[in-house]
Structures are given as structure tokens and as C-alpha cells.
PDB file of N, CA and C in Angstrom:
ATOM      1  N   MET A   1     103.819 104.167 174.696  1.00  0.00           N
ATOM      2  CA  MET A   1     105.251 104.378 174.836  1.00  0.00           C
ATOM      3  C   MET A   1     106.033 103.101 174.529  1.00  0.00           C
ATOM      4  N   LYS A   2     105.503 101.985 175.003  1.00  0.00           N
ATOM      5  CA  LYS A   2     106.168 100.700 174.777  1.00  0.00           C
ATOM      6  C   LYS A   2     106.213 100.370 173.286  1.00  0.00           C
ATOM      7  N   HIS A   3     105.131 100.655 172.583  1.00  0.00           N
ATOM      8  CA  HIS A   3     105.078 100.386 171.146  1.00  0.00           C
ATOM      9  C   HIS A   3     106.043 101.283 170.377  1.00  0.00           C
ATOM     10  N   THR A   4     106.176 102.511 170.818  1.00  0.00           N
ATOM     11  CA  THR A   4     107.091 103.453 170.177  1.00  0.00           C
ATOM     12  C   THR A   4     108.531 102.962 170.293  1.00  0.00           C
ATOM     13  N   ILE A   5     108.905 102.465 171.439  1.00  0.00           N
ATOM     14  CA  ILE A   5     110.268 101.948 171.638  1.00  0.00           C
ATOM     15  C   ILE A   5     110.511 100.725 170.757  1.00  0.00           C
ATOM     16  N   ILE A   6     109.529  99.853 170.658  1.00  0.00           N
ATOM     17  CA  ILE A   6     109.666  98.658 169.812  1.00  0.00           C
ATOM     18  C   ILE A   6     109.798  99.061 168.355  1.00  0.00           C
ATOM     19  N   ILE A   7     108.980  99.977 167.902  1.00  0.00           N
ATOM     20  CA  ILE A   7     109.029 100.429 166.513  1.00  0.00           C
ATOM     21  C   ILE A   7     110.366 101.093 166.205  1.00  0.00           C
ATOM     22  N   LEU A   8     110.840 101.962 167.105  1.00  0.00           N
ATOM     23  CA  LEU A   8     112.139 102.606 166.899  1.00  0.00           C
ATOM     24  C   LEU A   8     113.274 101.584 166.871  1.00  0.00           C
ATOM     25  N   THR A   9     113.212 100.592 167.730  1.00  0.00           N
ATOM     26  CA  THR A   9     114.227  99.538 167.752  1.00  0.00           C
ATOM     27  C   THR A   9     114.227  98.767 166.439  1.00  0.00           C
ATOM     28  N   LEU A  10     113.053  98.431 165.934  1.00  0.00           N
ATOM     29  CA  LEU A  10     112.955  97.726 164.653  1.00  0.00           C
ATOM     30  C   LEU A  10     113.508  98.569 163.502  1.00  0.00           C
ATOM     31  N   ILE A  11     113.158  99.834 163.474  1.00  0.00           N
ATOM     32  CA  ILE A  11     113.645 100.719 162.413  1.00  0.00           C
ATOM     33  C   ILE A  11     115.163 100.832 162.459  1.00  0.00           C
ATOM     34  N   LEU A  12     115.711 101.042 163.651  1.00  0.00           N
ATOM     35  CA  LEU A  12     117.173 101.144 163.776  1.00  0.00           C
ATOM     36  C   LEU A  12     117.868  99.845 163.393  1.00  0.00           C
ATOM     37  N   THR A  13     117.279  98.725 163.749  1.00  0.00           N
ATOM     38  CA  THR A  13     117.865  97.430 163.402  1.00  0.00           C
ATOM     39  C   THR A  13     117.863  97.221 161.894  1.00  0.00           C
ATOM     40  N   LEU A  14     116.743  97.514 161.259  1.00  0.00           N
ATOM     41  CA  LEU A  14     116.645  97.316 159.808  1.00  0.00           C
ATOM     42  C   LEU A  14     117.546  98.261 159.033  1.00  0.00           C
ATOM     43  N   THR A  15     117.664  99.490 159.463  1.00  0.00           N
ATOM     44  CA  THR A  15     118.498 100.449 158.742  1.00  0.00           C
ATOM     45  C   THR A  15     119.984 100.211 158.970  1.00  0.00           C
ATOM     46  N   SER A  16     120.336  99.538 160.046  1.00  0.00           N
ATOM     47  CA  SER A  16     121.754  99.279 160.301  1.00  0.00           C
ATOM     48  C   SER A  16     122.258  98.023 159.613  1.00  0.00           C
ATOM     49  N   CYS A  17     121.342  97.233 159.060  1.00  0.00           N
ATOM     50  CA  CYS A  17     121.757  96.016 158.365  1.00  0.00           C
ATOM     51  C   CYS A  17     122.535  96.379 157.108  1.00  0.00           C
ATOM     52  N   ASN A  18     123.588  95.630 156.853  1.00  0.00           N
ATOM     53  CA  ASN A  18     124.379  95.845 155.642  1.00  0.00           C
ATOM     54  C   ASN A  18     123.656  95.196 154.477  1.00  0.00           C
ATOM     55  N   ARG A  19     123.208  95.995 153.537  1.00  0.00           N
ATOM     56  CA  ARG A  19     122.414  95.488 152.426  1.00  0.00           C
ATOM     57  C   ARG A  19     123.239  95.255 151.176  1.00  0.00           C
ATOM     58  N   THR A  20     124.545  95.381 151.257  1.00  0.00           N
ATOM     59  CA  THR A  20     125.367  95.138 150.083  1.00  0.00           C
ATOM     60  C   THR A  20     125.424  93.648 149.819  1.00  0.00           C
ATOM     61  N   GLU A  21     125.226  93.300 148.580  1.00  0.00           N
ATOM     62  CA  GLU A  21     125.230  91.898 148.179  1.00  0.00           C
ATOM     63  C   GLU A  21     126.652  91.484 147.845  1.00  0.00           C
ATOM     64  N   LYS A  22     127.115  90.416 148.459  1.00  0.00           N
ATOM     65  CA  LYS A  22     128.464  89.935 148.197  1.00  0.00           C
ATOM     66  C   LYS A  22     128.406  88.867 147.126  1.00  0.00           C
ATOM     67  N   LYS A  23     129.250  89.017 146.106  1.00  0.00           N
ATOM     68  CA  LYS A  23     129.333  88.025 145.051  1.00  0.00           C
ATOM     69  C   LYS A  23     130.259  86.896 145.493  1.00  0.00           C
ATOM     70  N   ALA A  24     129.978  85.705 145.022  1.00  0.00           N
ATOM     71  CA  ALA A  24     130.884  84.581 145.264  1.00  0.00           C
ATOM     72  C   ALA A  24     132.159  84.820 144.465  1.00  0.00           C
ATOM     73  N   THR A  25     133.289  84.470 145.036  1.00  0.00           N
ATOM     74  CA  THR A  25     134.572  84.669 144.364  1.00  0.00           C
ATOM     75  C   THR A  25     135.325  83.353 144.242  1.00  0.00           C
ATOM     76  N   LEU A  26     136.136  83.258 143.183  1.00  0.00           N
ATOM     77  CA  LEU A  26     137.034  82.127 143.017  1.00  0.00           C
ATOM     78  C   LEU A  26     138.439  82.465 143.475  1.00  0.00           C
ATOM     79  N   LEU A  27     138.825  83.728 143.337  1.00  0.00           N
ATOM     80  CA  LEU A  27     140.156  84.154 143.748  1.00  0.00           C
ATOM     81  C   LEU A  27     140.077  85.524 144.400  1.00  0.00           C
ATOM     82  N   LEU A  28     140.758  85.642 145.528  1.00  0.00           N
ATOM     83  CA  LEU A  28     140.916  86.925 146.216  1.00  0.00           C
ATOM     84  C   LEU A  28     142.399  87.123 146.478  1.00  0.00           C
ATOM     85  N   ALA A  29     142.929  88.266 146.059  1.00  0.00           N
ATOM     86  CA  ALA A  29     144.336  88.578 146.300  1.00  0.00           C
ATOM     87  C   ALA A  29     144.445  90.068 146.569  1.00  0.00           C
ATOM     88  N   ASP A  30     145.430  90.456 147.387  1.00  0.00           N
ATOM     89  CA  ASP A  30     145.599  91.871 147.684  1.00  0.00           C
ATOM     90  C   ASP A  30     147.010  92.156 148.165  1.00  0.00           C
ATOM     91  N   ARG A  31     147.303  93.435 148.273  1.00  0.00           N
ATOM     92  CA  ARG A  31     148.560  93.876 148.891  1.00  0.00           C
ATOM     93  C   ARG A  31     148.360  95.300 149.380  1.00  0.00           C
ATOM     94  N   GLU A  32     149.135  95.642 150.383  1.00  0.00           N
ATOM     95  CA  GLU A  32     149.115  97.009 150.877  1.00  0.00           C
ATOM     96  C   GLU A  32     149.995  97.851 149.970  1.00  0.00           C
ATOM     97  N   ALA A  33     149.439  98.940 149.469  1.00  0.00           N
ATOM     98  CA  ALA A  33     150.177  99.878 148.622  1.00  0.00           C
ATOM     99  C   ALA A  33     150.708 101.005 149.516  1.00  0.00           C
ATOM    100  N   PRO A  34     151.603 101.852 149.007  1.00  0.00           N
ATOM    101  CA  PRO A  34     152.149 102.923 149.848  1.00  0.00           C
ATOM    102  C   PRO A  34     151.090 103.786 150.529  1.00  0.00           C
ATOM    103  N   LEU A  35     150.023 104.104 149.837  1.00  0.00           N
ATOM    104  CA  LEU A  35     148.976 104.933 150.444  1.00  0.00           C
ATOM    105  C   LEU A  35     147.594 104.299 150.290  1.00  0.00           C
ATOM    106  N   GLY A  36     147.490 102.979 150.405  1.00  0.00           N
ATOM    107  CA  GLY A  36     146.202 102.318 150.266  1.00  0.00           C
ATOM    108  C   GLY A  36     146.356 100.823 150.077  1.00  0.00           C
ATOM    109  N   TRP A  37     145.456 100.243 149.272  1.00  0.00           N
ATOM    110  CA  TRP A  37     145.448  98.808 149.015  1.00  0.00           C
ATOM    111  C   TRP A  37     145.143  98.541 147.549  1.00  0.00           C
ATOM    112  N   ASN A  38     145.611  97.403 147.044  1.00  0.00           N
ATOM    113  CA  ASN A  38     145.240  96.884 145.735  1.00  0.00           C
ATOM    114  C   ASN A  38     144.556  95.542 145.946  1.00  0.00           C
ATOM    115  N   TYR A  39     143.431  95.343 145.264  1.00  0.00           N
ATOM    116  CA  TYR A  39     142.647  94.123 145.410  1.00  0.00           C
ATOM    117  C   TYR A  39     142.365  93.521 144.041  1.00  0.00           C
ATOM    118  N   LEU A  40     142.395  92.195 143.960  1.00  0.00           N
ATOM    119  CA  LEU A  40     141.968  91.472 142.768  1.00  0.00           C
ATOM    120  C   LEU A  40     140.903  90.481 143.193  1.00  0.00           C
ATOM    121  N   ARG A  41     139.754  90.524 142.517  1.00  0.00           N
ATOM    122  CA  ARG A  41     138.663  89.589 142.761  1.00  0.00           C
ATOM    123  C   ARG A  41     138.278  88.944 141.432  1.00  0.00           C
ATOM    124  N   ILE A  42     138.281  87.613 141.390  1.00  0.00           N
ATOM    125  CA  ILE A  42     137.854  86.879 140.202  1.00  0.00           C
ATOM    126  C   ILE A  42     136.611  86.088 140.576  1.00  0.00           C
ATOM    127  N   TYR A  43     135.581  86.179 139.721  1.00  0.00           N
ATOM    128  CA  TYR A  43     134.278  85.588 139.980  1.00  0.00           C
ATOM    129  C   TYR A  43     134.058  84.341 139.126  1.00  0.00           C
ATOM    130  N   PRO A  44     133.085  83.481 139.502  1.00  0.00           N
ATOM    131  CA  PRO A  44     132.836  82.240 138.758  1.00  0.00           C
ATOM    132  C   PRO A  44     132.462  82.434 137.285  1.00  0.00           C
ATOM    133  N   ASN A  45     131.905  83.573 136.918  1.00  0.00           N
ATOM    134  CA  ASN A  45     131.505  83.804 135.523  1.00  0.00           C
ATOM    135  C   ASN A  45     132.662  84.349 134.674  1.00  0.00           C
ATOM    136  N   LYS A  46     133.902  84.192 135.146  1.00  0.00           N
ATOM    137  CA  LYS A  46     135.133  84.608 134.463  1.00  0.00           C
ATOM    138  C   LYS A  46     135.281  86.128 134.350  1.00  0.00           C
ATOM    139  N   THR A  47     134.604  86.866 135.196  1.00  0.00           N
ATOM    140  CA  THR A  47     134.814  88.308 135.256  1.00  0.00           C
ATOM    141  C   THR A  47     135.738  88.601 136.434  1.00  0.00           C
ATOM    142  N   PHE A  48     136.311  89.801 136.428  1.00  0.00           N
ATOM    143  CA  PHE A  48     137.202  90.184 137.509  1.00  0.00           C
ATOM    144  C   PHE A  48     137.069  91.671 137.774  1.00  0.00           C
ATOM    145  N   GLU A  49     137.582  92.068 138.932  1.00  0.00           N
ATOM    146  CA  GLU A  49     137.725  93.472 139.299  1.00  0.00           C
ATOM    147  C   GLU A  49     139.092  93.643 139.936  1.00  0.00           C
ATOM    148  N   PHE A  50     139.870  94.575 139.428  1.00  0.00           N
ATOM    149  CA  PHE A  50     141.113  94.979 140.072  1.00  0.00           C
ATOM    150  C   PHE A  50     140.851  96.363 140.631  1.00  0.00           C
ATOM    151  N   GLU A  51     141.005  96.513 141.941  1.00  0.00           N
ATOM    152  CA  GLU A  51     140.719  97.786 142.593  1.00  0.00           C
ATOM    153  C   GLU A  51     141.987  98.335 143.209  1.00  0.00           C
ATOM    154  N   SER A  52     142.273  99.577 142.884  1.00  0.00           N
ATOM    155  CA  SER A  52     143.394 100.296 143.471  1.00  0.00           C
ATOM    156  C   SER A  52     142.802 101.397 144.339  1.00  0.00           C
ATOM    157  N   ARG A  53     142.904 101.207 145.642  1.00  0.00           N
ATOM    158  CA  ARG A  53     142.260 102.128 146.579  1.00  0.00           C
ATOM    159  C   ARG A  53     143.319 102.890 147.356  1.00  0.00           C
ATOM    160  N   GLY A  54     143.190 104.198 147.355  1.00  0.00           N
ATOM    161  CA  GLY A  54     144.107 105.054 148.100  1.00  0.00           C
ATOM    162  C   GLY A  54     143.535 105.412 149.453  1.00  0.00           C
ATOM    163  N   LEU A  55     143.914 106.565 149.944  1.00  0.00           N
ATOM    164  CA  LEU A  55     143.428 107.005 151.250  1.00  0.00           C
ATOM    165  C   LEU A  55     141.935 107.285 151.243  1.00  0.00           C
ATOM    166  N   GLU A  56     141.398 107.679 150.093  1.00  0.00           N
ATOM    167  CA  GLU A  56     139.969 107.906 150.009  1.00  0.00           C
ATOM    168  C   GLU A  56     139.267 106.551 150.023  1.00  0.00           C
ATOM    169  N   ARG A  57     138.012 106.539 150.370  1.00  0.00           N
ATOM    170  CA  ARG A  57     137.270 105.286 150.512  1.00  0.00           C
ATOM    171  C   ARG A  57     137.069 104.589 149.168  1.00  0.00           C
ATOM    172  N   LYS A  58     136.798 105.335 148.104  1.00  0.00           N
ATOM    173  CA  LYS A  58     136.529 104.731 146.808  1.00  0.00           C
ATOM    174  C   LYS A  58     137.786 104.796 145.956  1.00  0.00           C
ATOM    175  N   GLY A  59     138.112 103.705 145.316  1.00  0.00           N
ATOM    176  CA  GLY A  59     139.300 103.667 144.485  1.00  0.00           C
ATOM    177  C   GLY A  59     138.959 103.500 143.024  1.00  0.00           C
ATOM    178  N   ASP A  60     139.988 103.272 142.209  1.00  0.00           N
ATOM    179  CA  ASP A  60     139.802 102.994 140.789  1.00  0.00           C
ATOM    180  C   ASP A  60     139.543 101.503 140.620  1.00  0.00           C
ATOM    181  N   ILE A  61     138.509 101.164 139.855  1.00  0.00           N
ATOM    182  CA  ILE A  61     138.194  99.766 139.599  1.00  0.00           C
ATOM    183  C   ILE A  61     138.346  99.498 138.112  1.00  0.00           C
ATOM    184  N   TYR A  62     139.155  98.500 137.797  1.00  0.00           N
ATOM    185  CA  TYR A  62     139.369  98.039 136.434  1.00  0.00           C
ATOM    186  C   TYR A  62     138.695  96.677 136.339  1.00  0.00           C
ATOM    187  N   ALA A  63     137.742  96.541 135.425  1.00  0.00           N
ATOM    188  CA  ALA A  63     136.962  95.305 135.333  1.00  0.00           C
ATOM    189  C   ALA A  63     137.066  94.725 133.937  1.00  0.00           C
ATOM    190  N   GLY A  64     136.685  93.465 133.821  1.00  0.00           N
ATOM    191  CA  GLY A  64     136.686  92.795 132.527  1.00  0.00           C
ATOM    192  C   GLY A  64     136.527  91.301 132.708  1.00  0.00           C
ATOM    193  N   THR A  65     137.065  90.552 131.758  1.00  0.00           N
ATOM    194  CA  THR A  65     137.031  89.093 131.821  1.00  0.00           C
ATOM    195  C   THR A  65     138.446  88.563 131.926  1.00  0.00           C
ATOM    196  N   VAL A  66     138.565  87.342 132.420  1.00  0.00           N
ATOM    197  CA  VAL A  66     139.875  86.738 132.631  1.00  0.00           C
ATOM    198  C   VAL A  66     139.857  85.299 132.130  1.00  0.00           C
ATOM    199  N   GLU A  67     141.006  84.870 131.635  1.00  0.00           N
ATOM    200  CA  GLU A  67     141.170  83.491 131.188  1.00  0.00           C
ATOM    201  C   GLU A  67     142.448  82.944 131.808  1.00  0.00           C
ATOM    202  N   LEU A  68     142.375  81.724 132.331  1.00  0.00           N
ATOM    203  CA  LEU A  68     143.533  81.072 132.930  1.00  0.00           C
ATOM    204  C   LEU A  68     143.995  79.953 132.009  1.00  0.00           C
ATOM    205  N   LYS A  69     145.239  80.046 131.551  1.00  0.00           N
ATOM    206  CA  LYS A  69     145.853  78.995 130.739  1.00  0.00           C
ATOM    207  C   LYS A  69     147.147  78.586 131.423  1.00  0.00           C
ATOM    208  N   ASN A  70     147.229  77.313 131.797  1.00  0.00           N
ATOM    209  CA  ASN A  70     148.359  76.791 132.563  1.00  0.00           C
ATOM    210  C   ASN A  70     148.519  77.616 133.831  1.00  0.00           C
ATOM    211  N   ASP A  71     149.587  78.383 133.958  1.00  0.00           N
ATOM    212  CA  ASP A  71     149.794  79.190 135.168  1.00  0.00           C
ATOM    213  C   ASP A  71     149.694  80.688 134.881  1.00  0.00           C
ATOM    214  N   THR A  72     149.142  81.055 133.722  1.00  0.00           N
ATOM    215  CA  THR A  72     149.082  82.464 133.327  1.00  0.00           C
ATOM    216  C   THR A  72     147.639  82.950 133.255  1.00  0.00           C
ATOM    217  N   LEU A  73     147.393  84.107 133.869  1.00  0.00           N
ATOM    218  CA  LEU A  73     146.099  84.779 133.796  1.00  0.00           C
ATOM    219  C   LEU A  73     146.166  85.837 132.705  1.00  0.00           C
ATOM    220  N   TYR A  74     145.185  85.829 131.802  1.00  0.00           N
ATOM    221  CA  TYR A  74     145.083  86.823 130.729  1.00  0.00           C
ATOM    222  C   TYR A  74     143.851  87.682 131.015  1.00  0.00           C
ATOM    223  N   PHE A  75     144.075  88.956 131.278  1.00  0.00           N
ATOM    224  CA  PHE A  75     142.998  89.875 131.628  1.00  0.00           C
ATOM    225  C   PHE A  75     142.588  90.669 130.395  1.00  0.00           C
ATOM    226  N   LYS A  76     141.288  90.698 130.106  1.00  0.00           N
ATOM    227  CA  LYS A  76     140.748  91.531 129.031  1.00  0.00           C
ATOM    228  C   LYS A  76     139.889  92.594 129.701  1.00  0.00           C
ATOM    229  N   TYR A  77     140.391  93.822 129.700  1.00  0.00           N
ATOM    230  CA  TYR A  77     139.733  94.916 130.406  1.00  0.00           C
ATOM    231  C   TYR A  77     138.586  95.487 129.585  1.00  0.00           C
ATOM    232  N   SER A  78     137.517  95.872 130.266  1.00  0.00           N
ATOM    233  CA  SER A  78     136.359  96.478 129.606  1.00  0.00           C
ATOM    234  C   SER A  78     136.650  97.887 129.136  1.00  0.00           C
ATOM    235  N   ASP A  79     137.513  98.594 129.856  1.00  0.00           N
ATOM    236  CA  ASP A  79     137.789  99.988 129.556  1.00  0.00           C
ATOM    237  C   ASP A  79     139.292 100.177 129.441  1.00  0.00           C
ATOM    238  N   SER A  80     139.882 100.918 130.332  1.00  0.00           N
ATOM    239  CA  SER A  80     141.317 101.188 130.281  1.00  0.00           C
ATOM    240  C   SER A  80     142.109 100.070 130.971  1.00  0.00           C
ATOM    241  N   ILE A  81     143.367  99.947 130.565  1.00  0.00           N
ATOM    242  CA  ILE A  81     144.265  98.943 131.138  1.00  0.00           C
ATOM    243  C   ILE A  81     145.143  99.630 132.178  1.00  0.00           C
ATOM    244  N   PRO A  82     145.187  99.097 133.402  1.00  0.00           N
ATOM    245  CA  PRO A  82     146.058  99.711 134.407  1.00  0.00           C
ATOM    246  C   PRO A  82     147.528  99.495 134.074  1.00  0.00           C
ATOM    247  N   LYS A  83     148.392 100.249 134.726  1.00  0.00           N
ATOM    248  CA  LYS A  83     149.819 100.248 134.395  1.00  0.00           C
ATOM    249  C   LYS A  83     150.526  98.930 134.668  1.00  0.00           C
ATOM    250  N   MET A  84     149.938  98.040 135.466  1.00  0.00           N
ATOM    251  CA  MET A  84     150.621  96.778 135.727  1.00  0.00           C
ATOM    252  C   MET A  84     150.413  95.767 134.616  1.00  0.00           C
ATOM    253  N   GLY A  85     149.572  96.060 133.636  1.00  0.00           N
ATOM    254  CA  GLY A  85     149.437  95.226 132.447  1.00  0.00           C
ATOM    255  C   GLY A  85     148.263  94.270 132.481  1.00  0.00           C
ATOM    256  N   ASN A  86     148.260  93.330 131.526  1.00  0.00           N
ATOM    257  CA  ASN A  86     147.127  92.426 131.393  1.00  0.00           C
ATOM    258  C   ASN A  86     147.499  90.948 131.453  1.00  0.00           C
ATOM    259  N   LYS A  87     148.693  90.631 131.922  1.00  0.00           N
ATOM    260  CA  LYS A  87     149.102  89.233 132.087  1.00  0.00           C
ATOM    261  C   LYS A  87     149.744  89.056 133.453  1.00  0.00           C
ATOM    262  N   ALA A  88     149.463  87.896 134.068  1.00  0.00           N
ATOM    263  CA  ALA A  88     150.036  87.620 135.384  1.00  0.00           C
ATOM    264  C   ALA A  88     150.285  86.125 135.539  1.00  0.00           C
ATOM    265  N   ILE A  89     151.324  85.813 136.280  1.00  0.00           N
ATOM    266  CA  ILE A  89     151.639  84.432 136.623  1.00  0.00           C
ATOM    267  C   ILE A  89     150.939  84.112 137.943  1.00  0.00           C
ATOM    268  N   LEU A  90     150.300  82.946 137.990  1.00  0.00           N
ATOM    269  CA  LEU A  90     149.612  82.492 139.192  1.00  0.00           C
ATOM    270  C   LEU A  90     150.449  81.404 139.862  1.00  0.00           C
ATOM    271  N   THR A  91     150.853  81.639 141.114  1.00  0.00           N
ATOM    272  CA  THR A  91     151.560  80.624 141.895  1.00  0.00           C
ATOM    273  C   THR A  91     150.684  80.252 143.091  1.00  0.00           C
ATOM    274  N   ASP A  92     151.212  79.428 143.977  1.00  0.00           N
ATOM    275  CA  ASP A  92     150.432  79.034 145.149  1.00  0.00           C
ATOM    276  C   ASP A  92     150.121  80.208 146.062  1.00  0.00           C
ATOM    277  N   LYS A  93     151.032  81.188 146.129  1.00  0.00           N
ATOM    278  CA  LYS A  93     150.873  82.275 147.093  1.00  0.00           C
ATOM    279  C   LYS A  93     150.660  83.653 146.480  1.00  0.00           C
ATOM    280  N   PHE A  94     150.984  83.827 145.175  1.00  0.00           N
ATOM    281  CA  PHE A  94     150.961  85.171 144.601  1.00  0.00           C
ATOM    282  C   PHE A  94     150.383  85.204 143.191  1.00  0.00           C
ATOM    283  N   VAL A  95     149.832  86.353 142.844  1.00  0.00           N
ATOM    284  CA  VAL A  95     149.494  86.725 141.465  1.00  0.00           C
ATOM    285  C   VAL A  95     150.511  87.795 141.105  1.00  0.00           C
ATOM    286  N   SER A  96     151.357  87.507 140.105  1.00  0.00           N
ATOM    287  CA  SER A  96     152.449  88.423 139.742  1.00  0.00           C
ATOM    288  C   SER A  96     152.271  88.917 138.313  1.00  0.00           C
ATOM    289  N   TYR A  97     151.914  90.184 138.175  1.00  0.00           N
ATOM    290  CA  TYR A  97     151.797  90.810 136.856  1.00  0.00           C
ATOM    291  C   TYR A  97     153.200  91.032 136.306  1.00  0.00           C
ATOM    292  N   PHE A  98     153.377  90.825 134.980  1.00  0.00           N
ATOM    293  CA  PHE A  98     154.731  90.905 134.432  1.00  0.00           C
ATOM    294  C   PHE A  98     154.872  91.675 133.138  1.00  0.00           C
ATOM    295  N   ASP A  99     153.821  92.167 132.545  1.00  0.00           N
ATOM    296  CA  ASP A  99     153.986  92.792 131.223  1.00  0.00           C
ATOM    297  C   ASP A  99     153.588  94.266 131.178  1.00  0.00           C
ATOM    298  N   GLY A 100     153.503  94.918 132.302  1.00  0.00           N
ATOM    299  CA  GLY A 100     153.099  96.323 132.310  1.00  0.00           C
ATOM    300  C   GLY A 100     154.266  97.269 132.512  1.00  0.00           C
ATOM    301  N   GLU A 101     153.940  98.493 132.854  1.00  0.00           N
ATOM    302  CA  GLU A 101     154.960  99.509 133.107  1.00  0.00           C
ATOM    303  C   GLU A 101     155.715  99.244 134.401  1.00  0.00           C
ATOM    304  N   TYR A 102     155.103  98.521 135.315  1.00  0.00           N
ATOM    305  CA  TYR A 102     155.773  98.134 136.555  1.00  0.00           C
ATOM    306  C   TYR A 102     155.229  96.779 136.989  1.00  0.00           C
ATOM    307  N   PRO A 103     156.029  95.999 137.705  1.00  0.00           N
ATOM    308  CA  PRO A 103     155.524  94.704 138.193  1.00  0.00           C
ATOM    309  C   PRO A 103     154.612  94.907 139.401  1.00  0.00           C
ATOM    310  N   GLU A 104     153.629  94.076 139.509  1.00  0.00           N
ATOM    311  CA  GLU A 104     152.690  94.120 140.637  1.00  0.00           C
ATOM    312  C   GLU A 104     152.572  92.702 141.175  1.00  0.00           C
ATOM    313  N   ARG A 105     152.611  92.547 142.490  1.00  0.00           N
ATOM    314  CA  ARG A 105     152.487  91.225 143.093  1.00  0.00           C
ATOM    315  C   ARG A 105     151.485  91.291 144.231  1.00  0.00           C
ATOM    316  N   LEU A 106     150.430  90.477 144.121  1.00  0.00           N
ATOM    317  CA  LEU A 106     149.371  90.436 145.120  1.00  0.00           C
ATOM    318  C   LEU A 106     149.392  89.088 145.836  1.00  0.00           C
ATOM    319  N   GLU A 107     149.224  89.115 147.137  1.00  0.00           N
ATOM    320  CA  GLU A 107     149.200  87.879 147.914  1.00  0.00           C
ATOM    321  C   GLU A 107     147.810  87.246 147.828  1.00  0.00           C
ATOM    322  N   ILE A 108     147.769  85.956 147.545  1.00  0.00           N
ATOM    323  CA  ILE A 108     146.507  85.233 147.404  1.00  0.00           C
ATOM    324  C   ILE A 108     145.946  84.903 148.780  1.00  0.00           C
ATOM    325  N   LYS A 109     144.700  85.272 148.993  1.00  0.00           N
ATOM    326  CA  LYS A 109     143.985  84.965 150.232  1.00  0.00           C
ATOM    327  C   LYS A 109     143.046  83.776 150.048  1.00  0.00           C
ATOM    328  N   LYS A 110     142.531  83.620 148.810  1.00  0.00           N
ATOM    329  CA  LYS A 110     141.622  82.519 148.475  1.00  0.00           C
ATOM    330  C   LYS A 110     141.849  82.166 147.015  1.00  0.00           C
ATOM    331  N   ASN A 111     141.961  80.859 146.716  1.00  0.00           N
ATOM    332  CA  ASN A 111     142.132  80.447 145.320  1.00  0.00           C
ATOM    333  C   ASN A 111     141.395  79.154 145.066  1.00  0.00           C
ATOM    334  N   GLU A 112     140.340  79.253 144.266  1.00  0.00           N
ATOM    335  CA  GLU A 112     139.572  78.094 143.835  1.00  0.00           C
ATOM    336  C   GLU A 112     139.537  78.015 142.305  1.00  0.00           C
ATOM    337  N   LEU A 113     140.482  78.687 141.647  1.00  0.00           N
ATOM    338  CA  LEU A 113     140.559  78.640 140.186  1.00  0.00           C
ATOM    339  C   LEU A 113     141.057  77.271 139.748  1.00  0.00           C
ATOM    340  N   LYS A 114     140.532  76.808 138.635  1.00  0.00           N
ATOM    341  CA  LYS A 114     140.985  75.539 138.065  1.00  0.00           C
ATOM    342  C   LYS A 114     141.602  75.810 136.709  1.00  0.00           C
ATOM    343  N   THR A 115     142.778  75.246 136.452  1.00  0.00           N
ATOM    344  CA  THR A 115     143.456  75.460 135.170  1.00  0.00           C
ATOM    345  C   THR A 115     142.744  74.693 134.072  1.00  0.00           C
ATOM    346  N   GLU A 116     142.809  75.240 132.864  1.00  0.00           N
ATOM    347  CA  GLU A 116     142.163  74.596 131.702  1.00  0.00           C
ATOM    348  C   GLU A 116     143.168  73.820 130.906  1.00  0.00           C
TER     349      GLU A 116
END
């Protein structure tokens, strides 16, 4: 009986561990949307993910590569381009998209990007 309890405890502990691998990020920015959240994650290998998440758990993810020149981020999407466009101004506190169908502004939570 004692061994059974130990084995069950080990199984429950191992299965409850979060096995998702977190990538290192250089920039994290987000904002609360009317019915969800928008997230921007930029990684050290110059790739990015822009996620628009609604009330459902899984949202739309737009991915690609990014280049920073002076204070402007240039996004090259792998697939479709979201409505906020592919260019944004980077300030100390915000990432502000400016060339799409509507402006989008995300608050920066972490920024380790270096200008070229």
C-alpha cells in the first residue's frame, strides 16, 4: 500500500509538470484588446510572433522575421499580414504600428533589443 501511494504521487507530480519550453525573448509587449489580448514576442534569432487572442484560449499568430533600424521595426510576415501593418515605431514604453488599416500600440514589458 505504501509503495502504491508513492508511485501514484510520483505519477501525479510528473504529469502536472508544465512541459512547455519557453523561448528566450528580447522584447515582450502587449495590450488588452476589447475581447482579449494582443502580444508581441521578439526572439534573439530575429524572429517574432504577434498573437491576437480573443475569448477563446487559442488566438491568431502572425510570425516572421523582424529588423530594427534606428527606432523603426520592420516586420516580414511568413504568411498573411495582420491589419495593423508591418512597420512600428519603438519607444521606451511602446511599440506603435503606423502603416496598417488601424494603429496598434502595445506596452513594452521587456526590451533588450539593440539598434543597428
